[in-house]
Every structure is written in structure tokens, then in C-alpha cells.
Amino acid sequence: MGCRCLALFVCLAGVCLGQEYELGGAIGYGFYRDGTIYSPAGSVEAGIRNRFAASWVFGEDLYRHVSGEVRYLYHDGHPFLFSGGVKSDIQGQSHAFDYALLFHAAKRERRLRPFFTLGAGAKGYVIAGPAPAQALPGVAALTTTDEWKFLVVVGAGVKYRLRNHVLVRFDLLDYMTGFPRRQIAPAEGNTARGIFQQITPLFGASYWF
């Protein structure tokens, strides 16, 4: 029994030593594909302003072609409504947390590793300012309600490993949630439609160990 336990411990230790970890940060820019609110008087564009983004990531190389990582992303965009030259917005930001699997085209021993990524998590649309004067009250209102939505992340990128345990990477990620209807609230009888997509290129550096 003791020999079996020792053999199992040695095998598990070998697996752990074979794994590699990554801790890093990145900066980028978030471009939004917004939604629409429909009313009898016409449609109104509703969405989030394009602004800068910042991120940190912690990852683990699970297998030769598959790794997993936890990522946090901050985006400085704020909610708005726009129709026919009339616009209204409110100061806000978003915070996204997700866990993703990365499917690498090259083995972990290679310096250059392109990859595809698929993940899920949660994204919070958070208000940082007072409610504005409502420019389109018959169509929709911007509220001070923070709202969390289920998040899906897809994307692609490439990592390049430098010496001294440093790697650089580029990610192009698409953060997708449902319409935050409690924060960008349609007036009674109106309809909000659309998937909020934050398409975000990120340039970063990481320490691997």
C-alpha cells in the first residue's frame, strides 16, 4: 500500500512540475456593437461608448495544446442613447470576469503559439455618475442601476515567448452579453433588442513560470 501511494505521489508531482503558469497584464480599446430600442415614434440607438480597456490574466498550461486562464477586464465606456442628433449619456464603466480555454495551434515548447479562445463569466455594467436629464423620455431612460449579465467570450490571439520567463501576447476578444434593460430602460410598451458586443484588441506582457 505504501509503495502504491509513493508511486501515485511521484506521478502527480511529475504532472505538476510539467505545468507552466502565466501572470500578466494588457491594455487595449473596446469597440461596441450596440443595441436598438424600438418605439411607435421610431428607433433609438442604445449602447456603450468606445473607450480604453485594461486587463490582468492568470493562466495555466493544462496540456500541450490546451490552457486555461482567468481574466479580468475593465472598460471605461459609458451608456448612451442617440436618435436624430439628440443624445443622452451617463458616466459608467464595466467590469468583466471570465474563465476561458485556449486552444493552441503549436505545442507549449514553441516560442510562437497562435490560439483560439472560448470562455464564459459575468460582466457588470456599473454607473459612476448621477442620472442625466432624460432627452428621450418617451422612448427610453438611462438609470443609475448597476446590472450584471451572463458573459460569453470568443476570440483569437498569439503568444511569443521571450527569454527570462517573459512572453508578449496579442488578443482579439469579443465580449458578448444580453441587453442591460434595467440600466438602459425602454419606456413602457417599447422593445429593446440586440446583443451587446465589446470587440477588444489587447496588447500585453506576462511572466511565465
C-alpha atoms as a PDB file:
ATOM      1  CA  MET A   1       0.000   0.000   0.000  1.00  0.00           C
ATOM      2  CA  GLY A   2       2.846   2.381   0.938  1.00  0.00           C
ATOM      3  CA  CYS A   3       4.607   1.716  -2.385  1.00  0.00           C
ATOM      4  CA  ARG A   4       1.416   2.462  -4.322  1.00  0.00           C
ATOM      5  CA  CYS A   5       0.923   5.773  -2.506  1.00  0.00           C
ATOM      6  CA  LEU A   6       4.546   6.737  -3.153  1.00  0.00           C
ATOM      7  CA  ALA A   7       4.184   5.915  -6.862  1.00  0.00           C
ATOM      8  CA  LEU A   8       0.980   7.992  -7.087  1.00  0.00           C
ATOM      9  CA  PHE A   9       2.697  10.934  -5.365  1.00  0.00           C
ATOM     10  CA  VAL A  10       5.616  10.770  -7.796  1.00  0.00           C
ATOM     11  CA  CYS A  11       3.254  10.725 -10.793  1.00  0.00           C
ATOM     12  CA  LEU A  12       1.251  13.708  -9.508  1.00  0.00           C
ATOM     13  CA  ALA A  13       4.423  15.640  -8.768  1.00  0.00           C
ATOM     14  CA  GLY A  14       5.617  14.986 -12.304  1.00  0.00           C
ATOM     15  CA  VAL A  15       2.351  16.335 -13.706  1.00  0.00           C
ATOM     16  CA  CYS A  16       2.556  19.492 -11.565  1.00  0.00           C
ATOM     17  CA  LEU A  17       6.181  20.123 -12.498  1.00  0.00           C
ATOM     18  CA  GLY A  18       5.259  19.732 -16.161  1.00  0.00           C
ATOM     19  CA  GLN A  19       2.674  22.524 -15.938  1.00  0.00           C
ATOM     20  CA  GLU A  20       3.512  26.159 -16.547  1.00  0.00           C
ATOM     21  CA  TYR A  21       1.757  29.270 -15.238  1.00  0.00           C
ATOM     22  CA  GLU A  22       1.296  32.783 -16.592  1.00  0.00           C
ATOM     23  CA  LEU A  23       0.600  36.072 -14.813  1.00  0.00           C
ATOM     24  CA  GLY A  24       0.278  39.246 -16.834  1.00  0.00           C
ATOM     25  CA  GLY A  25      -1.494  42.413 -17.826  1.00  0.00           C
ATOM     26  CA  ALA A  26      -2.661  44.114 -21.007  1.00  0.00           C
ATOM     27  CA  ILE A  27      -4.100  47.361 -22.346  1.00  0.00           C
ATOM     28  CA  GLY A  28      -6.378  47.911 -25.316  1.00  0.00           C
ATOM     29  CA  TYR A  29      -9.545  49.527 -26.627  1.00  0.00           C
ATOM     30  CA  GLY A  30     -13.163  48.413 -26.574  1.00  0.00           C
ATOM     31  CA  PHE A  31     -15.291  48.884 -29.709  1.00  0.00           C
ATOM     32  CA  TYR A  32     -19.021  48.299 -29.228  1.00  0.00           C
ATOM     33  CA  ARG A  33     -21.716  46.860 -31.426  1.00  0.00           C
ATOM     34  CA  ASP A  34     -24.762  48.367 -29.761  1.00  0.00           C
ATOM     35  CA  GLY A  35     -28.467  47.600 -29.494  1.00  0.00           C
ATOM     36  CA  THR A  36     -31.666  49.318 -30.576  1.00  0.00           C
ATOM     37  CA  ILE A  37     -34.837  50.402 -28.785  1.00  0.00           C
ATOM     38  CA  TYR A  38     -37.973  50.365 -30.931  1.00  0.00           C
ATOM     39  CA  SER A  39     -40.979  52.593 -30.265  1.00  0.00           C
ATOM     40  CA  PRO A  40     -44.045  53.740 -32.278  1.00  0.00           C
ATOM     41  CA  ALA A  41     -42.207  57.032 -32.888  1.00  0.00           C
ATOM     42  CA  GLY A  42     -39.159  55.280 -34.348  1.00  0.00           C
ATOM     43  CA  SER A  43     -35.953  53.547 -33.290  1.00  0.00           C
ATOM     44  CA  VAL A  44     -33.185  54.782 -30.963  1.00  0.00           C
ATOM     45  CA  GLU A  45     -29.570  53.622 -30.841  1.00  0.00           C
ATOM     46  CA  ALA A  46     -28.638  52.408 -27.368  1.00  0.00           C
ATOM     47  CA  GLY A  47     -25.210  51.281 -26.271  1.00  0.00           C
ATOM     48  CA  ILE A  48     -21.850  51.901 -24.639  1.00  0.00           C
ATOM     49  CA  ARG A  49     -19.220  54.421 -25.750  1.00  0.00           C
ATOM     50  CA  ASN A  50     -15.972  53.123 -27.256  1.00  0.00           C
ATOM     51  CA  ARG A  51     -13.164  53.694 -24.735  1.00  0.00           C
ATOM     52  CA  PHE A  52      -9.884  52.265 -23.427  1.00  0.00           C
ATOM     53  CA  ALA A  53      -9.632  48.911 -21.652  1.00  0.00           C
ATOM     54  CA  ALA A  54      -7.196  47.303 -19.209  1.00  0.00           C
ATOM     55  CA  SER A  55      -6.849  43.695 -18.126  1.00  0.00           C
ATOM     56  CA  TRP A  56      -4.983  41.187 -15.993  1.00  0.00           C
ATOM     57  CA  VAL A  57      -4.790  37.432 -16.573  1.00  0.00           C
ATOM     58  CA  PHE A  58      -3.672  34.320 -14.701  1.00  0.00           C
ATOM     59  CA  GLY A  59      -3.285  31.169 -16.764  1.00  0.00           C
ATOM     60  CA  GLU A  60      -2.146  27.571 -16.548  1.00  0.00           C
ATOM     61  CA  ASP A  61      -0.882  25.330 -19.341  1.00  0.00           C
ATOM     62  CA  LEU A  62      -3.030  22.271 -18.745  1.00  0.00           C
ATOM     63  CA  TYR A  63      -1.996  20.191 -21.766  1.00  0.00           C
ATOM     64  CA  ARG A  64       0.320  20.519 -24.759  1.00  0.00           C
ATOM     65  CA  HIS A  65      -2.321  22.264 -26.889  1.00  0.00           C
ATOM     66  CA  VAL A  66      -4.842  23.456 -24.280  1.00  0.00           C
ATOM     67  CA  SER A  67      -4.514  26.005 -21.481  1.00  0.00           C
ATOM     68  CA  GLY A  68      -6.974  27.706 -19.163  1.00  0.00           C
ATOM     69  CA  GLU A  69      -6.990  31.232 -17.786  1.00  0.00           C
ATOM     70  CA  VAL A  70      -8.900  33.615 -15.548  1.00  0.00           C
ATOM     71  CA  ARG A  71      -9.185  37.173 -16.882  1.00  0.00           C
ATOM     72  CA  TYR A  72     -10.455  40.468 -15.514  1.00  0.00           C
ATOM     73  CA  LEU A  73     -11.227  43.300 -17.952  1.00  0.00           C
ATOM     74  CA  TYR A  74     -12.017  46.931 -17.156  1.00  0.00           C
ATOM     75  CA  HIS A  75     -13.653  49.118 -19.824  1.00  0.00           C
ATOM     76  CA  ASP A  76     -14.195  52.862 -19.380  1.00  0.00           C
ATOM     77  CA  GLY A  77     -17.187  53.221 -21.710  1.00  0.00           C
ATOM     78  CA  HIS A  78     -20.473  54.685 -20.514  1.00  0.00           C
ATOM     79  CA  PRO A  79     -24.126  54.094 -21.570  1.00  0.00           C
ATOM     80  CA  PHE A  80     -25.824  56.363 -24.082  1.00  0.00           C
ATOM     81  CA  LEU A  81     -28.961  56.923 -26.147  1.00  0.00           C
ATOM     82  CA  PHE A  82     -28.893  58.576 -29.573  1.00  0.00           C
ATOM     83  CA  SER A  83     -31.543  59.467 -32.134  1.00  0.00           C
ATOM     84  CA  GLY A  84     -31.689  62.117 -34.842  1.00  0.00           C
ATOM     85  CA  GLY A  85     -28.989  64.327 -33.368  1.00  0.00           C
ATOM     86  CA  VAL A  86     -30.404  64.046 -29.839  1.00  0.00           C
ATOM     87  CA  LYS A  87     -28.151  62.227 -27.397  1.00  0.00           C
ATOM     88  CA  SER A  88     -28.007  61.418 -23.720  1.00  0.00           C
ATOM     89  CA  ASP A  89     -25.353  59.585 -21.724  1.00  0.00           C
ATOM     90  CA  ILE A  90     -24.340  58.770 -18.156  1.00  0.00           C
ATOM     91  CA  GLN A  91     -20.865  58.193 -16.723  1.00  0.00           C
ATOM     92  CA  GLY A  92     -20.167  54.493 -16.309  1.00  0.00           C
ATOM     93  CA  GLN A  93     -17.785  51.595 -16.763  1.00  0.00           C
ATOM     94  CA  SER A  94     -17.808  47.818 -16.952  1.00  0.00           C
ATOM     95  CA  HIS A  95     -16.028  45.008 -15.131  1.00  0.00           C
ATOM     96  CA  ALA A  96     -15.812  41.567 -16.756  1.00  0.00           C
ATOM     97  CA  PHE A  97     -14.637  38.312 -15.178  1.00  0.00           C
ATOM     98  CA  ASP A  98     -14.332  35.098 -17.170  1.00  0.00           C
ATOM     99  CA  TYR A  99     -12.646  31.729 -17.352  1.00  0.00           C
ATOM    100  CA  ALA A 100     -11.572  30.656 -20.837  1.00  0.00           C
ATOM    101  CA  LEU A 101      -9.949  27.710 -22.555  1.00  0.00           C
ATOM    102  CA  LEU A 102      -7.218  28.476 -25.086  1.00  0.00           C
ATOM    103  CA  PHE A 103      -6.683  26.012 -27.941  1.00  0.00           C
ATOM    104  CA  HIS A 104      -3.126  26.431 -29.211  1.00  0.00           C
ATOM    105  CA  ALA A 105      -2.023  25.581 -32.740  1.00  0.00           C
ATOM    106  CA  ALA A 106       1.534  24.867 -31.520  1.00  0.00           C
ATOM    107  CA  LYS A 107       2.910  22.847 -28.619  1.00  0.00           C
ATOM    108  CA  ARG A 108       3.964  24.571 -25.410  1.00  0.00           C
ATOM    109  CA  GLU A 109       7.651  24.156 -26.315  1.00  0.00           C
ATOM    110  CA  ARG A 110       7.272  26.528 -29.286  1.00  0.00           C
ATOM    111  CA  ARG A 111       8.020  30.209 -28.847  1.00  0.00           C
ATOM    112  CA  LEU A 112       5.255  31.361 -31.206  1.00  0.00           C
ATOM    113  CA  ARG A 113       1.811  29.994 -30.294  1.00  0.00           C
ATOM    114  CA  PRO A 114      -1.334  31.162 -32.103  1.00  0.00           C
ATOM    115  CA  PHE A 115      -4.571  30.234 -30.343  1.00  0.00           C
ATOM    116  CA  PHE A 116      -8.360  30.401 -30.303  1.00  0.00           C
ATOM    117  CA  THR A 117     -10.228  31.078 -27.075  1.00  0.00           C
ATOM    118  CA  LEU A 118     -13.696  30.341 -25.689  1.00  0.00           C
ATOM    119  CA  GLY A 119     -14.895  31.373 -22.250  1.00  0.00           C
ATOM    120  CA  ALA A 120     -17.787  32.392 -20.016  1.00  0.00           C
ATOM    121  CA  GLY A 121     -18.314  34.509 -16.940  1.00  0.00           C
ATOM    122  CA  ALA A 122     -20.085  37.672 -15.773  1.00  0.00           C
ATOM    123  CA  LYS A 123     -19.967  41.332 -16.761  1.00  0.00           C
ATOM    124  CA  GLY A 124     -21.095  44.236 -14.621  1.00  0.00           C
ATOM    125  CA  TYR A 125     -22.334  47.475 -16.153  1.00  0.00           C
ATOM    126  CA  VAL A 126     -21.613  49.945 -13.337  1.00  0.00           C
ATOM    127  CA  ILE A 127     -22.761  53.582 -13.091  1.00  0.00           C
ATOM    128  CA  ALA A 128     -20.250  56.141 -11.789  1.00  0.00           C
ATOM    129  CA  GLY A 129     -22.220  59.404 -12.097  1.00  0.00           C
ATOM    130  CA  PRO A 130     -25.615  60.991 -11.413  1.00  0.00           C
ATOM    131  CA  ALA A 131     -28.633  60.394 -13.615  1.00  0.00           C
ATOM    132  CA  PRO A 132     -28.729  62.786 -16.590  1.00  0.00           C
ATOM    133  CA  ALA A 133     -31.625  64.871 -17.866  1.00  0.00           C
ATOM    134  CA  GLN A 134     -33.642  62.409 -19.935  1.00  0.00           C
ATOM    135  CA  ALA A 135     -33.505  63.566 -23.553  1.00  0.00           C
ATOM    136  CA  LEU A 136     -35.760  60.800 -24.920  1.00  0.00           C
ATOM    137  CA  PRO A 137     -38.230  60.058 -22.102  1.00  0.00           C
ATOM    138  CA  GLY A 138     -40.920  58.663 -24.383  1.00  0.00           C
ATOM    139  CA  VAL A 139     -38.521  56.043 -25.733  1.00  0.00           C
ATOM    140  CA  ALA A 140     -36.054  55.081 -23.003  1.00  0.00           C
ATOM    141  CA  ALA A 141     -34.280  56.278 -19.866  1.00  0.00           C
ATOM    142  CA  LEU A 142     -30.737  55.942 -18.513  1.00  0.00           C
ATOM    143  CA  THR A 143     -30.866  54.830 -14.879  1.00  0.00           C
ATOM    144  CA  THR A 144     -28.318  54.628 -12.063  1.00  0.00           C
ATOM    145  CA  THR A 145     -28.920  50.880 -11.668  1.00  0.00           C
ATOM    146  CA  ASP A 146     -25.836  48.658 -11.817  1.00  0.00           C
ATOM    147  CA  GLU A 147     -26.522  45.484 -13.784  1.00  0.00           C
ATOM    148  CA  TRP A 148     -24.678  42.163 -14.074  1.00  0.00           C
ATOM    149  CA  LYS A 149     -25.122  39.961 -17.132  1.00  0.00           C
ATOM    150  CA  PHE A 150     -24.020  36.489 -18.182  1.00  0.00           C
ATOM    151  CA  LEU A 151     -20.961  36.801 -20.416  1.00  0.00           C
ATOM    152  CA  VAL A 152     -19.624  34.769 -23.348  1.00  0.00           C
ATOM    153  CA  VAL A 153     -16.129  35.448 -24.703  1.00  0.00           C
ATOM    154  CA  VAL A 154     -14.713  34.248 -28.018  1.00  0.00           C
ATOM    155  CA  GLY A 155     -11.543  35.310 -29.750  1.00  0.00           C
ATOM    156  CA  ALA A 156      -8.094  34.548 -31.063  1.00  0.00           C
ATOM    157  CA  GLY A 157      -4.557  35.666 -30.461  1.00  0.00           C
ATOM    158  CA  VAL A 158      -0.888  34.828 -30.423  1.00  0.00           C
ATOM    159  CA  LYS A 159       1.775  34.472 -27.733  1.00  0.00           C
ATOM    160  CA  TYR A 160       5.512  34.896 -28.262  1.00  0.00           C
ATOM    161  CA  ARG A 161       7.848  33.678 -25.550  1.00  0.00           C
ATOM    162  CA  LEU A 162      10.955  35.730 -24.842  1.00  0.00           C
ATOM    163  CA  ARG A 163      13.860  34.797 -22.615  1.00  0.00           C
ATOM    164  CA  ASN A 164      13.953  35.272 -18.836  1.00  0.00           C
ATOM    165  CA  HIS A 165      10.396  33.991 -18.344  1.00  0.00           C
ATOM    166  CA  VAL A 166       8.714  36.838 -20.234  1.00  0.00           C
ATOM    167  CA  LEU A 167       6.180  36.482 -23.026  1.00  0.00           C
ATOM    168  CA  VAL A 168       4.281  39.051 -25.061  1.00  0.00           C
ATOM    169  CA  ARG A 169       0.819  38.451 -26.455  1.00  0.00           C
ATOM    170  CA  PHE A 170      -1.923  39.927 -28.599  1.00  0.00           C
ATOM    171  CA  ASP A 171      -5.590  39.044 -28.040  1.00  0.00           C
ATOM    172  CA  LEU A 172      -8.640  39.976 -30.087  1.00  0.00           C
ATOM    173  CA  LEU A 173     -11.643  39.208 -27.877  1.00  0.00           C
ATOM    174  CA  ASP A 174     -15.392  39.575 -28.366  1.00  0.00           C
ATOM    175  CA  TYR A 175     -17.274  40.076 -25.070  1.00  0.00           C
ATOM    176  CA  MET A 176     -20.986  39.354 -25.556  1.00  0.00           C
ATOM    177  CA  THR A 177     -23.885  39.944 -23.161  1.00  0.00           C
ATOM    178  CA  GLY A 178     -27.600  40.499 -23.358  1.00  0.00           C
ATOM    179  CA  PHE A 179     -29.115  43.989 -23.428  1.00  0.00           C
ATOM    180  CA  PRO A 180     -28.837  45.652 -19.947  1.00  0.00           C
ATOM    181  CA  ARG A 181     -32.512  46.642 -19.835  1.00  0.00           C
ATOM    182  CA  ARG A 182     -32.538  47.798 -16.216  1.00  0.00           C
ATOM    183  CA  GLN A 183     -29.770  50.321 -16.883  1.00  0.00           C
ATOM    184  CA  ILE A 184     -30.831  51.402 -20.390  1.00  0.00           C
ATOM    185  CA  ALA A 185     -34.545  51.067 -19.728  1.00  0.00           C
ATOM    186  CA  PRO A 186     -37.128  51.141 -22.543  1.00  0.00           C
ATOM    187  CA  ALA A 187     -40.292  53.118 -21.848  1.00  0.00           C
ATOM    188  CA  GLU A 188     -43.426  51.080 -21.276  1.00  0.00           C
ATOM    189  CA  GLY A 189     -44.555  49.354 -24.447  1.00  0.00           C
ATOM    190  CA  ASN A 190     -41.218  49.778 -26.235  1.00  0.00           C
ATOM    191  CA  THR A 191     -38.824  46.950 -27.148  1.00  0.00           C
ATOM    192  CA  ALA A 192     -35.053  46.638 -26.631  1.00  0.00           C
ATOM    193  CA  ARG A 193     -33.179  44.305 -28.956  1.00  0.00           C
ATOM    194  CA  GLY A 194     -29.602  43.386 -29.651  1.00  0.00           C
ATOM    195  CA  ILE A 195     -26.578  41.610 -28.250  1.00  0.00           C
ATOM    196  CA  PHE A 196     -24.033  43.954 -26.696  1.00  0.00           C
ATOM    197  CA  GLN A 197     -20.649  43.090 -28.220  1.00  0.00           C
ATOM    198  CA  GLN A 198     -17.446  44.656 -26.943  1.00  0.00           C
ATOM    199  CA  ILE A 199     -14.751  43.821 -29.503  1.00  0.00           C
ATOM    200  CA  THR A 200     -11.454  44.390 -27.729  1.00  0.00           C
ATOM    201  CA  PRO A 201      -7.888  44.181 -29.073  1.00  0.00           C
ATOM    202  CA  LEU A 202      -5.378  43.805 -26.208  1.00  0.00           C
ATOM    203  CA  PHE A 203      -1.582  44.045 -26.155  1.00  0.00           C
ATOM    204  CA  GLY A 204       0.105  42.593 -23.091  1.00  0.00           C
ATOM    205  CA  ALA A 205       3.102  41.050 -21.396  1.00  0.00           C
ATOM    206  CA  SER A 206       3.251  38.181 -18.927  1.00  0.00           C
ATOM    207  CA  TYR A 207       5.651  36.403 -16.611  1.00  0.00           C
ATOM    208  CA  TRP A 208       5.644  32.621 -17.055  1.00  0.00           C
ATOM    209  CA  PHE A 209       6.932  30.134 -14.501  1.00  0.00           C
END
